[in-house]
Amino acid sequence: EGKSEFIKRVTLDNRILLLLRSHIEDQDL
């Protein structure tokens, strides 16, 4: 606990989810 890890790689699936998360309000446009 308290020790941070380094990011090795963010998968494409996760990048897509994070992208869509930033556009969550757009679904009703």
PDB file of all heavy atoms in Angstrom:
ATOM      1  N   GLU A   1       0.838  -1.187   0.000  1.00  0.00           N
ATOM      2  CA  GLU A   1       0.000   0.000   0.000  1.00  0.00           C
ATOM      3  C   GLU A   1       0.878   1.244   0.000  1.00  0.00           C
ATOM      4  O   GLU A   1       1.908   1.281   0.653  1.00  0.00           O
ATOM      5  CB  GLU A   1      -0.909   0.001   1.227  1.00  0.00           C
ATOM      6  CG  GLU A   1      -1.925   1.100   1.126  1.00  0.00           C
ATOM      7  CD  GLU A   1      -3.305   0.581   1.338  1.00  0.00           C
ATOM      8  OE1 GLU A   1      -3.681  -0.390   0.681  1.00  0.00           O
ATOM      9  OE2 GLU A   1      -3.986   1.164   2.161  1.00  0.00           O
ATOM     10  N   GLY A   2       0.458   2.265  -0.729  1.00  0.00           N
ATOM     11  CA  GLY A   2       1.181   3.516  -0.765  1.00  0.00           C
ATOM     12  C   GLY A   2       2.233   3.575  -1.863  1.00  0.00           C
ATOM     13  O   GLY A   2       2.724   4.628  -2.191  1.00  0.00           O
ATOM     14  N   LYS A   3       2.611   2.446  -2.419  1.00  0.00           N
ATOM     15  CA  LYS A   3       3.594   2.425  -3.490  1.00  0.00           C
ATOM     16  C   LYS A   3       2.880   2.472  -4.833  1.00  0.00           C
ATOM     17  O   LYS A   3       2.025   1.655  -5.115  1.00  0.00           O
ATOM     18  CB  LYS A   3       4.448   1.170  -3.402  1.00  0.00           C
ATOM     19  CG  LYS A   3       5.546   1.145  -4.436  1.00  0.00           C
ATOM     20  CD  LYS A   3       6.405  -0.069  -4.303  1.00  0.00           C
ATOM     21  CE  LYS A   3       7.449  -0.046  -5.396  1.00  0.00           C
ATOM     22  NZ  LYS A   3       8.187  -1.276  -5.463  1.00  0.00           N
ATOM     23  N   SER A   4       3.267   3.432  -5.661  1.00  0.00           N
ATOM     24  CA  SER A   4       2.646   3.572  -6.979  1.00  0.00           C
ATOM     25  C   SER A   4       3.358   2.682  -7.981  1.00  0.00           C
ATOM     26  O   SER A   4       4.554   2.458  -7.897  1.00  0.00           O
ATOM     27  CB  SER A   4       2.704   5.023  -7.446  1.00  0.00           C
ATOM     28  OG  SER A   4       1.948   5.839  -6.597  1.00  0.00           O
ATOM     29  N   GLU A   5       2.605   2.203  -8.941  1.00  0.00           N
ATOM     30  CA  GLU A   5       3.153   1.403 -10.030  1.00  0.00           C
ATOM     31  C   GLU A   5       3.191   2.259 -11.283  1.00  0.00           C
ATOM     32  O   GLU A   5       2.460   3.223 -11.419  1.00  0.00           O
ATOM     33  CB  GLU A   5       2.259   0.194 -10.285  1.00  0.00           C
ATOM     34  CG  GLU A   5       2.177  -0.777  -9.138  1.00  0.00           C
ATOM     35  CD  GLU A   5       1.236  -1.928  -9.454  1.00  0.00           C
ATOM     36  OE1 GLU A   5       0.970  -2.170 -10.643  1.00  0.00           O
ATOM     37  OE2 GLU A   5       0.776  -2.559  -8.515  1.00  0.00           O
ATOM     38  N   PHE A   6       4.041   1.854 -12.211  1.00  0.00           N
ATOM     39  CA  PHE A   6       4.110   2.549 -13.485  1.00  0.00           C
ATOM     40  C   PHE A   6       3.152   1.906 -14.471  1.00  0.00           C
ATOM     41  O   PHE A   6       2.942   0.702 -14.453  1.00  0.00           O
ATOM     42  CB  PHE A   6       5.535   2.514 -14.056  1.00  0.00           C
ATOM     43  CG  PHE A   6       6.448   3.471 -13.369  1.00  0.00           C
ATOM     44  CD1 PHE A   6       7.218   3.060 -12.301  1.00  0.00           C
ATOM     45  CD2 PHE A   6       6.517   4.791 -13.780  1.00  0.00           C
ATOM     46  CE1 PHE A   6       8.057   3.949 -11.650  1.00  0.00           C
ATOM     47  CE2 PHE A   6       7.347   5.681 -13.145  1.00  0.00           C
ATOM     48  CZ  PHE A   6       8.118   5.262 -12.067  1.00  0.00           C
ATOM     49  N   ILE A   7       2.578   2.727 -15.350  1.00  0.00           N
ATOM     50  CA  ILE A   7       1.710   2.232 -16.407  1.00  0.00           C
ATOM     51  C   ILE A   7       2.606   1.637 -17.483  1.00  0.00           C
ATOM     52  O   ILE A   7       3.535   2.290 -17.957  1.00  0.00           O
ATOM     53  CB  ILE A   7       0.870   3.378 -17.012  1.00  0.00           C
ATOM     54  CG1 ILE A   7      -0.067   3.943 -15.968  1.00  0.00           C
ATOM     55  CG2 ILE A   7       0.105   2.888 -18.232  1.00  0.00           C
ATOM     56  CD1 ILE A   7      -0.810   5.175 -16.432  1.00  0.00           C
ATOM     57  N   LYS A   8       2.340   0.417 -17.846  1.00  0.00           N
ATOM     58  CA  LYS A   8       3.097  -0.208 -18.925  1.00  0.00           C
ATOM     59  C   LYS A   8       2.403   0.054 -20.246  1.00  0.00           C
ATOM     60  O   LYS A   8       3.014   0.439 -21.228  1.00  0.00           O
ATOM     61  CB  LYS A   8       3.232  -1.702 -18.676  1.00  0.00           C
ATOM     62  CG  LYS A   8       4.108  -1.998 -17.483  1.00  0.00           C
ATOM     63  CD  LYS A   8       4.288  -3.470 -17.267  1.00  0.00           C
ATOM     64  CE  LYS A   8       5.192  -3.670 -16.080  1.00  0.00           C
ATOM     65  NZ  LYS A   8       4.688  -4.513 -15.064  1.00  0.00           N
ATOM     66  N   ARG A   9       1.094  -0.154 -20.266  1.00  0.00           N
ATOM     67  CA  ARG A   9       0.333  -0.004 -21.503  1.00  0.00           C
ATOM     68  C   ARG A   9      -1.145   0.057 -21.157  1.00  0.00           C
ATOM     69  O   ARG A   9      -1.598  -0.664 -20.286  1.00  0.00           O
ATOM     70  CB  ARG A   9       0.611  -1.214 -22.387  1.00  0.00           C
ATOM     71  CG  ARG A   9       0.005  -1.133 -23.736  1.00  0.00           C
ATOM     72  CD  ARG A   9       0.530  -2.282 -24.604  1.00  0.00           C
ATOM     73  NE  ARG A   9      -0.340  -2.451 -25.729  1.00  0.00           N
ATOM     74  CZ  ARG A   9      -1.301  -3.359 -25.811  1.00  0.00           C
ATOM     75  NH1 ARG A   9      -1.485  -4.211 -24.862  1.00  0.00           N
ATOM     76  NH2 ARG A   9      -2.054  -3.425 -26.878  1.00  0.00           N
ATOM     77  N   VAL A  10      -1.861   0.911 -21.851  1.00  0.00           N
ATOM     78  CA  VAL A  10      -3.315   0.968 -21.711  1.00  0.00           C
ATOM     79  C   VAL A  10      -3.881   0.285 -22.952  1.00  0.00           C
ATOM     80  O   VAL A  10      -3.604   0.696 -24.078  1.00  0.00           O
ATOM     81  CB  VAL A  10      -3.829   2.419 -21.595  1.00  0.00           C
ATOM     82  CG1 VAL A  10      -5.340   2.440 -21.459  1.00  0.00           C
ATOM     83  CG2 VAL A  10      -3.182   3.120 -20.406  1.00  0.00           C
ATOM     84  N   THR A  11      -4.666  -0.762 -22.746  1.00  0.00           N
ATOM     85  CA  THR A  11      -5.190  -1.530 -23.877  1.00  0.00           C
ATOM     86  C   THR A  11      -6.132  -0.691 -24.731  1.00  0.00           C
ATOM     87  O   THR A  11      -6.702   0.299 -24.260  1.00  0.00           O
ATOM     88  CB  THR A  11      -5.926  -2.789 -23.407  1.00  0.00           C
ATOM     89  OG1 THR A  11      -7.088  -2.392 -22.679  1.00  0.00           O
ATOM     90  CG2 THR A  11      -5.034  -3.670 -22.546  1.00  0.00           C
ATOM     91  N   LEU A  12      -6.320  -1.117 -25.966  1.00  0.00           N
ATOM     92  CA  LEU A  12      -7.225  -0.411 -26.869  1.00  0.00           C
ATOM     93  C   LEU A  12      -8.648  -0.423 -26.317  1.00  0.00           C
ATOM     94  O   LEU A  12      -9.338   0.604 -26.365  1.00  0.00           O
ATOM     95  CB  LEU A  12      -7.184  -1.038 -28.264  1.00  0.00           C
ATOM     96  CG  LEU A  12      -8.057  -0.388 -29.326  1.00  0.00           C
ATOM     97  CD1 LEU A  12      -7.702   1.086 -29.505  1.00  0.00           C
ATOM     98  CD2 LEU A  12      -7.929  -1.125 -30.644  1.00  0.00           C
ATOM     99  N   ASP A  13      -9.080  -1.543 -25.776  1.00  0.00           N
ATOM    100  CA  ASP A  13     -10.423  -1.615 -25.179  1.00  0.00           C
ATOM    101  C   ASP A  13     -10.588  -0.547 -24.099  1.00  0.00           C
ATOM    102  O   ASP A  13     -11.598   0.153 -24.048  1.00  0.00           O
ATOM    103  CB  ASP A  13     -10.680  -2.995 -24.579  1.00  0.00           C
ATOM    104  CG  ASP A  13     -10.797  -4.088 -25.625  1.00  0.00           C
ATOM    105  OD1 ASP A  13     -10.614  -3.811 -26.824  1.00  0.00           O
ATOM    106  OD2 ASP A  13     -11.094  -5.230 -25.239  1.00  0.00           O
ATOM    107  N   ASN A  14      -9.579  -0.426 -23.234  1.00  0.00           N
ATOM    108  CA  ASN A  14      -9.654   0.560 -22.154  1.00  0.00           C
ATOM    109  C   ASN A  14      -9.600   1.983 -22.683  1.00  0.00           C
ATOM    110  O   ASN A  14     -10.291   2.870 -22.179  1.00  0.00           O
ATOM    111  CB  ASN A  14      -8.541   0.324 -21.137  1.00  0.00           C
ATOM    112  CG  ASN A  14      -8.770  -0.916 -20.311  1.00  0.00           C
ATOM    113  OD1 ASN A  14      -9.838  -1.535 -20.356  1.00  0.00           O
ATOM    114  ND2 ASN A  14      -7.770  -1.310 -19.547  1.00  0.00           N
ATOM    115  N   ARG A  15      -8.797   2.210 -23.719  1.00  0.00           N
ATOM    116  CA  ARG A  15      -8.741   3.551 -24.309  1.00  0.00           C
ATOM    117  C   ARG A  15     -10.094   3.947 -24.901  1.00  0.00           C
ATOM    118  O   ARG A  15     -10.519   5.095 -24.785  1.00  0.00           O
ATOM    119  CB  ARG A  15      -7.654   3.635 -25.373  1.00  0.00           C
ATOM    120  CG  ARG A  15      -6.255   3.650 -24.772  1.00  0.00           C
ATOM    121  CD  ARG A  15      -5.199   3.926 -25.801  1.00  0.00           C
ATOM    122  NE  ARG A  15      -4.902   2.697 -26.514  1.00  0.00           N
ATOM    123  CZ  ARG A  15      -4.216   2.639 -27.639  1.00  0.00           C
ATOM    124  NH1 ARG A  15      -3.763   3.734 -28.210  1.00  0.00           N
ATOM    125  NH2 ARG A  15      -3.970   1.479 -28.212  1.00  0.00           N
ATOM    126  N   ILE A  16     -10.767   2.984 -25.528  1.00  0.00           N
ATOM    127  CA  ILE A  16     -12.097   3.261 -26.092  1.00  0.00           C
ATOM    128  C   ILE A  16     -13.077   3.603 -24.977  1.00  0.00           C
ATOM    129  O   ILE A  16     -13.833   4.572 -25.073  1.00  0.00           O
ATOM    130  CB  ILE A  16     -12.591   2.078 -26.939  1.00  0.00           C
ATOM    131  CG1 ILE A  16     -11.764   1.969 -28.229  1.00  0.00           C
ATOM    132  CG2 ILE A  16     -14.080   2.220 -27.269  1.00  0.00           C
ATOM    133  CD1 ILE A  16     -12.025   0.720 -29.040  1.00  0.00           C
ATOM    134  N   LEU A  17     -13.064   2.817 -23.909  1.00  0.00           N
ATOM    135  CA  LEU A  17     -13.974   3.098 -22.791  1.00  0.00           C
ATOM    136  C   LEU A  17     -13.708   4.475 -22.196  1.00  0.00           C
ATOM    137  O   LEU A  17     -14.650   5.221 -21.887  1.00  0.00           O
ATOM    138  CB  LEU A  17     -13.840   2.021 -21.715  1.00  0.00           C
ATOM    139  CG  LEU A  17     -14.377   0.636 -22.087  1.00  0.00           C
ATOM    140  CD1 LEU A  17     -14.043  -0.383 -21.000  1.00  0.00           C
ATOM    141  CD2 LEU A  17     -15.879   0.677 -22.338  1.00  0.00           C
ATOM    142  N   LEU A  18     -12.451   4.846 -22.046  1.00  0.00           N
ATOM    143  CA  LEU A  18     -12.118   6.163 -21.489  1.00  0.00           C
ATOM    144  C   LEU A  18     -12.534   7.285 -22.432  1.00  0.00           C
ATOM    145  O   LEU A  18     -13.016   8.325 -21.989  1.00  0.00           O
ATOM    146  CB  LEU A  18     -10.627   6.247 -21.177  1.00  0.00           C
ATOM    147  CG  LEU A  18     -10.153   5.370 -20.022  1.00  0.00           C
ATOM    148  CD1 LEU A  18      -8.629   5.364 -19.942  1.00  0.00           C
ATOM    149  CD2 LEU A  18     -10.765   5.822 -18.714  1.00  0.00           C
ATOM    150  N   LEU A  19     -12.373   7.065 -23.737  1.00  0.00           N
ATOM    151  CA  LEU A  19     -12.808   8.063 -24.717  1.00  0.00           C
ATOM    152  C   LEU A  19     -14.318   8.266 -24.638  1.00  0.00           C
ATOM    153  O   LEU A  19     -14.803   9.397 -24.582  1.00  0.00           O
ATOM    154  CB  LEU A  19     -12.414   7.627 -26.130  1.00  0.00           C
ATOM    155  CG  LEU A  19     -13.014   8.462 -27.263  1.00  0.00           C
ATOM    156  CD1 LEU A  19     -12.338   9.825 -27.313  1.00  0.00           C
ATOM    157  CD2 LEU A  19     -12.894   7.750 -28.579  1.00  0.00           C
ATOM    158  N   LEU A  20     -15.058   7.165 -24.618  1.00  0.00           N
ATOM    159  CA  LEU A  20     -16.518   7.262 -24.566  1.00  0.00           C
ATOM    160  C   LEU A  20     -16.978   7.869 -23.243  1.00  0.00           C
ATOM    161  O   LEU A  20     -17.995   8.554 -23.188  1.00  0.00           O
ATOM    162  CB  LEU A  20     -17.146   5.888 -24.793  1.00  0.00           C
ATOM    163  CG  LEU A  20     -16.884   5.277 -26.180  1.00  0.00           C
ATOM    164  CD1 LEU A  20     -17.538   3.906 -26.283  1.00  0.00           C
ATOM    165  CD2 LEU A  20     -17.355   6.184 -27.289  1.00  0.00           C
ATOM    166  N   ARG A  21     -16.221   7.625 -22.177  1.00  0.00           N
ATOM    167  CA  ARG A  21     -16.542   8.211 -20.871  1.00  0.00           C
ATOM    168  C   ARG A  21     -16.494   9.742 -20.937  1.00  0.00           C
ATOM    169  O   ARG A  21     -17.317  10.424 -20.331  1.00  0.00           O
ATOM    170  CB  ARG A  21     -15.547   7.705 -19.832  1.00  0.00           C
ATOM    171  CG  ARG A  21     -15.741   8.250 -18.440  1.00  0.00           C
ATOM    172  CD  ARG A  21     -14.684   7.634 -17.519  1.00  0.00           C
ATOM    173  NE  ARG A  21     -14.788   8.110 -16.166  1.00  0.00           N
ATOM    174  CZ  ARG A  21     -13.958   8.993 -15.633  1.00  0.00           C
ATOM    175  NH1 ARG A  21     -12.968   9.503 -16.346  1.00  0.00           N
ATOM    176  NH2 ARG A  21     -14.113   9.363 -14.378  1.00  0.00           N
ATOM    177  N   SER A  22     -15.537  10.263 -21.706  1.00  0.00           N
ATOM    178  CA  SER A  22     -15.422  11.716 -21.807  1.00  0.00           C
ATOM    179  C   SER A  22     -16.507  12.329 -22.699  1.00  0.00           C
ATOM    180  O   SER A  22     -16.646  13.541 -22.755  1.00  0.00           O
ATOM    181  CB  SER A  22     -14.030  12.106 -22.314  1.00  0.00           C
ATOM    182  OG  SER A  22     -13.845  11.681 -23.635  1.00  0.00           O
ATOM    183  N   HIS A  23     -17.283  11.486 -23.391  1.00  0.00           N
ATOM    184  CA  HIS A  23     -18.365  11.964 -24.259  1.00  0.00           C
ATOM    185  C   HIS A  23     -19.719  11.415 -23.798  1.00  0.00           C
ATOM    186  O   HIS A  23     -20.631  11.274 -24.607  1.00  0.00           O
ATOM    187  CB  HIS A  23     -18.104  11.534 -25.707  1.00  0.00           C
ATOM    188  CG  HIS A  23     -16.963  12.260 -26.330  1.00  0.00           C
ATOM    189  ND1 HIS A  23     -17.099  13.468 -26.959  1.00  0.00           N
ATOM    190  CD2 HIS A  23     -15.644  11.950 -26.401  1.00  0.00           C
ATOM    191  CE1 HIS A  23     -15.918  13.871 -27.395  1.00  0.00           C
ATOM    192  NE2 HIS A  23     -15.027  12.967 -27.065  1.00  0.00           N
ATOM    193  N   ILE A  24     -19.853  11.123 -22.529  1.00  0.00           N
ATOM    194  CA  ILE A  24     -21.066  10.483 -22.002  1.00  0.00           C
ATOM    195  C   ILE A  24     -22.308  11.358 -22.227  1.00  0.00           C
ATOM    196  O   ILE A  24     -23.393  10.846 -22.477  1.00  0.00           O
ATOM    197  CB  ILE A  24     -20.897  10.096 -20.522  1.00  0.00           C
ATOM    198  CG1 ILE A  24     -21.981   9.139 -20.066  1.00  0.00           C
ATOM    199  CG2 ILE A  24     -20.841  11.312 -19.621  1.00  0.00           C
ATOM    200  CD1 ILE A  24     -21.866   7.763 -20.628  1.00  0.00           C
ATOM    201  N   GLU A  25     -22.145  12.672 -22.195  1.00  0.00           N
ATOM    202  CA  GLU A  25     -23.287  13.573 -22.353  1.00  0.00           C
ATOM    203  C   GLU A  25     -23.745  13.689 -23.806  1.00  0.00           C
ATOM    204  O   GLU A  25     -24.825  14.203 -24.078  1.00  0.00           O
ATOM    205  CB  GLU A  25     -22.953  14.961 -21.791  1.00  0.00           C
ATOM    206  CG  GLU A  25     -21.939  15.741 -22.592  1.00  0.00           C
ATOM    207  CD  GLU A  25     -20.481  15.317 -22.406  1.00  0.00           C
ATOM    208  OE1 GLU A  25     -20.181  14.530 -21.494  1.00  0.00           O
ATOM    209  OE2 GLU A  25     -19.640  15.772 -23.195  1.00  0.00           O
ATOM    210  N   ASP A  26     -22.959  13.183 -24.751  1.00  0.00           N
ATOM    211  CA  ASP A  26     -23.283  13.315 -26.171  1.00  0.00           C
ATOM    212  C   ASP A  26     -24.350  12.338 -26.664  1.00  0.00           C
ATOM    213  O   ASP A  26     -24.864  12.498 -27.765  1.00  0.00           O
ATOM    214  CB  ASP A  26     -22.028  13.124 -27.027  1.00  0.00           C
ATOM    215  CG  ASP A  26     -21.017  14.234 -26.820  1.00  0.00           C
ATOM    216  OD1 ASP A  26     -21.309  15.178 -26.073  1.00  0.00           O
ATOM    217  OD2 ASP A  26     -19.930  14.142 -27.416  1.00  0.00           O
ATOM    218  N   GLN A  27     -24.699  11.332 -25.877  1.00  0.00           N
ATOM    219  CA  GLN A  27     -25.602  10.302 -26.383  1.00  0.00           C
ATOM    220  C   GLN A  27     -26.999  10.828 -26.697  1.00  0.00           C
ATOM    221  O   GLN A  27     -27.706  10.235 -27.509  1.00  0.00           O
ATOM    222  CB  GLN A  27     -25.658   9.106 -25.451  1.00  0.00           C
ATOM    223  CG  GLN A  27     -26.012   9.382 -24.033  1.00  0.00           C
ATOM    224  CD  GLN A  27     -25.733   8.176 -23.147  1.00  0.00           C
ATOM    225  OE1 GLN A  27     -25.453   7.090 -23.632  1.00  0.00           O
ATOM    226  NE2 GLN A  27     -25.817   8.379 -21.860  1.00  0.00           N
ATOM    227  N   ASP A  28     -27.394  11.948 -26.123  1.00  0.00           N
ATOM    228  CA  ASP A  28     -28.717  12.500 -26.390  1.00  0.00           C
ATOM    229  C   ASP A  28     -28.714  13.590 -27.463  1.00  0.00           C
ATOM    230  O   ASP A  28     -29.768  14.134 -27.797  1.00  0.00           O
ATOM    231  CB  ASP A  28     -29.317  13.065 -25.094  1.00  0.00           C
ATOM    232  CG  ASP A  28     -29.587  11.967 -24.075  1.00  0.00           C
ATOM    233  OD1 ASP A  28     -29.931  10.842 -24.489  1.00  0.00           O
ATOM    234  OD2 ASP A  28     -29.438  12.228 -22.866  1.00  0.00           O
ATOM    235  N   LEU A  29     -27.540  13.901 -28.019  1.00  0.00           N
ATOM    236  CA  LEU A  29     -27.447  14.923 -29.056  1.00  0.00           C
ATOM    237  C   LEU A  29     -27.845  14.349 -30.414  1.00  0.00           C
ATOM    238  O   LEU A  29     -27.674  13.160 -30.675  1.00  0.00           O
ATOM    239  CB  LEU A  29     -26.015  15.460 -29.141  1.00  0.00           C
ATOM    240  CG  LEU A  29     -25.461  16.164 -27.910  1.00  0.00           C
ATOM    241  CD1 LEU A  29     -24.003  16.553 -28.142  1.00  0.00           C
ATOM    242  CD2 LEU A  29     -26.293  17.385 -27.567  1.00  0.00           C
TER     243      LEU A  29
END
